[in-house]
Structure formats: structure tokens, C-alpha cells
C-alpha atoms as a PDB file:
ATOM      1  CA  MET A   1      -7.047  -4.263  19.414  1.00  0.00           C
ATOM      2  CA  THR A   2      -7.796  -2.456  22.654  1.00  0.00           C
ATOM      3  CA  VAL A   3     -10.252   0.334  23.410  1.00  0.00           C
ATOM      4  CA  SER A   4      -7.369   2.830  23.583  1.00  0.00           C
ATOM      5  CA  GLU A   5      -5.960   1.720  20.241  1.00  0.00           C
ATOM      6  CA  LEU A   6      -9.326   2.222  18.546  1.00  0.00           C
ATOM      7  CA  THR A   7     -10.020   5.599  20.163  1.00  0.00           C
ATOM      8  CA  THR A   8      -9.674   8.478  17.723  1.00  0.00           C
ATOM      9  CA  ILE A   9     -10.440  11.481  19.964  1.00  0.00           C
ATOM     10  CA  SER A  10      -8.289  13.059  22.662  1.00  0.00           C
ATOM     11  CA  ALA A  11      -9.328  12.931  26.340  1.00  0.00           C
ATOM     12  CA  PRO A  12     -12.259  10.573  25.705  1.00  0.00           C
ATOM     13  CA  TYR A  13     -15.059   9.521  27.993  1.00  0.00           C
ATOM     14  CA  TYR A  14     -16.316   5.969  27.518  1.00  0.00           C
ATOM     15  CA  LEU A  15     -20.031   5.264  27.303  1.00  0.00           C
ATOM     16  CA  PHE A  16     -20.930   1.655  28.098  1.00  0.00           C
ATOM     17  CA  GLU A  17     -24.121   0.082  26.791  1.00  0.00           C
ATOM     18  CA  PHE A  18     -25.212  -3.241  28.306  1.00  0.00           C
ATOM     19  CA  ILE A  19     -28.112  -5.143  26.712  1.00  0.00           C
ATOM     20  CA  GLU A  20     -29.589  -8.074  28.654  1.00  0.00           C
ATOM     21  CA  GLU A  21     -29.796 -10.991  26.232  1.00  0.00           C
ATOM     22  CA  GLN A  22     -33.234 -12.280  27.301  1.00  0.00           C
ATOM     23  CA  THR A  23     -35.207  -9.063  27.857  1.00  0.00           C
ATOM     24  CA  GLN A  24     -33.202  -6.785  25.525  1.00  0.00           C
ATOM     25  CA  GLU A  25     -33.271  -4.168  28.305  1.00  0.00           C
ATOM     26  CA  ALA A  26     -30.510  -1.581  27.769  1.00  0.00           C
ATOM     27  CA  LEU A  27     -28.427  -0.019  30.536  1.00  0.00           C
ATOM     28  CA  TYR A  28     -25.942   2.842  30.158  1.00  0.00           C
ATOM     29  CA  CYS A  29     -23.080   4.282  32.193  1.00  0.00           C
ATOM     30  CA  ILE A  30     -19.894   6.274  31.704  1.00  0.00           C
ATOM     31  CA  LEU A  31     -16.690   4.737  33.056  1.00  0.00           C
ATOM     32  CA  THR A  32     -13.094   5.909  33.260  1.00  0.00           C
ATOM     33  CA  ASN A  33     -10.214   3.931  31.820  1.00  0.00           C
ATOM     34  CA  ILE A  34      -7.922   3.201  34.794  1.00  0.00           C
ATOM     35  CA  SER A  35      -5.493   0.935  32.958  1.00  0.00           C
ATOM     36  CA  THR A  36      -1.784   1.353  33.562  1.00  0.00           C
ATOM     37  CA  GLY A  37      -0.885  -1.045  30.742  1.00  0.00           C
ATOM     38  CA  ILE A  38      -2.746   0.759  27.972  1.00  0.00           C
ATOM     39  CA  PRO A  39      -0.795  -0.803  25.092  1.00  0.00           C
ATOM     40  CA  ARG A  40      -1.829  -4.298  26.245  1.00  0.00           C
ATOM     41  CA  TYR A  41      -5.331  -3.944  27.689  1.00  0.00           C
ATOM     42  CA  ASP A  42      -7.827  -1.459  29.068  1.00  0.00           C
ATOM     43  CA  GLU A  43      -9.270  -1.653  32.573  1.00  0.00           C
ATOM     44  CA  PHE A  44     -12.492  -0.146  33.857  1.00  0.00           C
ATOM     45  CA  VAL A  45     -14.085  -0.443  37.284  1.00  0.00           C
ATOM     46  CA  LEU A  46     -17.851  -0.885  37.387  1.00  0.00           C
ATOM     47  CA  ILE A  47     -19.711  -1.015  40.692  1.00  0.00           C
ATOM     48  CA  ASP A  48     -23.185  -2.554  40.477  1.00  0.00           C
ATOM     49  CA  GLY A  49     -25.708  -0.307  42.177  1.00  0.00           C
ATOM     50  CA  VAL A  50     -23.448   2.753  41.844  1.00  0.00           C
ATOM     51  CA  ASP A  51     -22.399   3.110  38.194  1.00  0.00           C
ATOM     52  CA  VAL A  52     -25.272   1.016  36.861  1.00  0.00           C
ATOM     53  CA  THR A  53     -27.755  -1.412  38.413  1.00  0.00           C
ATOM     54  CA  PHE A  54     -28.116  -4.763  36.718  1.00  0.00           C
ATOM     55  CA  PRO A  55     -31.689  -5.982  37.264  1.00  0.00           C
ATOM     56  CA  TYR A  56     -30.869  -9.577  36.354  1.00  0.00           C
ATOM     57  CA  ALA A  57     -27.960 -11.944  36.641  1.00  0.00           C
ATOM     58  CA  GLY A  58     -27.068 -13.460  33.293  1.00  0.00           C
ATOM     59  CA  PHE A  59     -25.427 -12.562  30.017  1.00  0.00           C
ATOM     60  CA  TYR A  60     -25.290  -9.084  28.553  1.00  0.00           C
ATOM     61  CA  THR A  61     -23.869  -7.903  25.272  1.00  0.00           C
ATOM     62  CA  TYR A  62     -21.918  -4.705  25.652  1.00  0.00           C
ATOM     63  CA  LYS A  63     -20.665  -1.919  23.460  1.00  0.00           C
ATOM     64  CA  ILE A  64     -18.182   0.787  24.416  1.00  0.00           C
ATOM     65  CA  TYR A  65     -18.419   4.159  22.707  1.00  0.00           C
ATOM     66  CA  GLN A  66     -15.889   6.988  22.692  1.00  0.00           C
ATOM     67  CA  GLN A  67     -17.183  10.502  23.259  1.00  0.00           C
ATOM     68  CA  THR A  68     -16.171  13.985  24.350  1.00  0.00           C
ATOM     69  CA  SER A  69     -19.164  14.420  26.674  1.00  0.00           C
ATOM     70  CA  ALA A  70     -18.949  13.408  30.339  1.00  0.00           C
ATOM     71  CA  VAL A  71     -22.750  13.151  30.667  1.00  0.00           C
ATOM     72  CA  ASN A  72     -24.194  11.860  27.373  1.00  0.00           C
ATOM     73  CA  LEU A  73     -25.932   8.473  27.685  1.00  0.00           C
ATOM     74  CA  ASP A  74     -27.165   8.242  24.075  1.00  0.00           C
ATOM     75  CA  PRO A  75     -24.944   6.113  21.798  1.00  0.00           C
ATOM     76  CA  ALA A  76     -26.297   7.936  18.734  1.00  0.00           C
ATOM     77  CA  LEU A  77     -24.671  11.142  20.019  1.00  0.00           C
ATOM     78  CA  SER A  78     -21.281   9.511  20.718  1.00  0.00           C
ATOM     79  CA  ASP A  79     -18.191   9.664  18.523  1.00  0.00           C
ATOM     80  CA  GLY A  80     -18.338   5.997  17.583  1.00  0.00           C
ATOM     81  CA  ILE A  81     -17.960   2.471  18.880  1.00  0.00           C
ATOM     82  CA  VAL A  82     -14.545   1.205  20.007  1.00  0.00           C
ATOM     83  CA  GLU A  83     -15.367  -2.222  21.487  1.00  0.00           C
ATOM     84  CA  GLU A  84     -18.111  -4.806  21.720  1.00  0.00           C
ATOM     85  CA  GLY A  85     -18.391  -8.128  23.456  1.00  0.00           C
ATOM     86  CA  ARG A  86     -20.270 -10.229  25.989  1.00  0.00           C
ATOM     87  CA  ALA A  87     -20.345  -9.921  29.788  1.00  0.00           C
ATOM     88  CA  HIS A  88     -21.523 -12.396  32.411  1.00  0.00           C
ATOM     89  CA  VAL A  89     -23.181 -10.787  35.430  1.00  0.00           C
ATOM     90  CA  PHE A  90     -23.615 -13.039  38.438  1.00  0.00           C
ATOM     91  CA  GLU A  91     -24.320 -12.696  42.130  1.00  0.00           C
ATOM     92  CA  VAL A  92     -21.578 -13.499  44.582  1.00  0.00           C
ATOM     93  CA  ASP A  93     -22.726 -15.621  47.491  1.00  0.00           C
ATOM     94  CA  SER A  94     -22.853 -13.560  50.628  1.00  0.00           C
ATOM     95  CA  PRO A  95     -22.486 -14.928  54.118  1.00  0.00           C
ATOM     96  CA  SER A  96     -25.746 -15.620  55.874  1.00  0.00           C
ATOM     97  CA  ASN A  97     -26.828 -13.900  59.064  1.00  0.00           C
ATOM     98  CA  TYR A  98     -27.502 -17.270  60.646  1.00  0.00           C
ATOM     99  CA  TYR A  99     -25.022 -18.314  63.297  1.00  0.00           C
ATOM    100  CA  ASP A 100     -24.501 -22.051  63.169  1.00  0.00           C
ATOM    101  CA  TYR A 101     -23.066 -23.530  66.329  1.00  0.00           C
ATOM    102  CA  ASN A 102     -22.720 -26.999  67.690  1.00  0.00           C
ATOM    103  CA  VAL A 103     -25.123 -27.921  70.460  1.00  0.00           C
ATOM    104  CA  THR A 104     -23.755 -30.444  72.897  1.00  0.00           C
ATOM    105  CA  ASN A 105     -26.261 -32.411  74.897  1.00  0.00           C
ATOM    106  CA  PHE A 106     -25.257 -34.340  77.993  1.00  0.00           C
ATOM    107  CA  VAL A 107     -27.318 -37.205  79.312  1.00  0.00           C
ATOM    108  CA  TYR A 108     -26.859 -38.041  83.034  1.00  0.00           C
ATOM    109  CA  GLU A 109     -28.192 -41.183  84.640  1.00  0.00           C
END
């Protein structure tokens, strides 16, 4: 079942709760469902450092709650859970600032 199929309120906001599996640190954010294929899957865009900042790379358990509030970050005040699972957060290698070039040495006799 998808998030949309389990949602029981109209015009919902989705509260995401991420719990880091080692530290048990909880992170919260509200994301918008941008899916165009709602009967098949639900799609959300999360930007690290904007929507939420993950302090560690690794595995997080997540829960998605439906709610009528656009600002509530407390799952206890939501209208119920609609999804739970596991997410893997990892850092993407970025290009270095080091310019590597070939040095050609000529020896003259």
C-alpha cells in the first residue's frame, strides 16, 4: 500500500520522522507529495541541509505521519502513521579542488 492509499484525511501534510539507528537521534520535517503516479507510488523530495540536516551518514528508520497542520513537528499531535521503513543516508563523492596535471620533464644533453 502507498502513503496516499493509507491517508484518511483530505489535503494532508506529511510529517517525516527519521531516527538514526546508532544514536537514536530523531529528526523531523514536513514534505509535500509530488508524485504524479499516486496509485502506484508516492514521491517526496528531501534536500539535506534545507528540509532536514542529517548529522551522520548511515541507516535511519523512518515513519511518515498524515496531518492537517503545515507546521506541527510532533508525531503525537499528528493524525496517524501511514508508512514506515528504513532509509540509507550516504555522502556523494564530490570533486576535489586539486587540479591534477601531467608534468613533462625534458632532459637535454
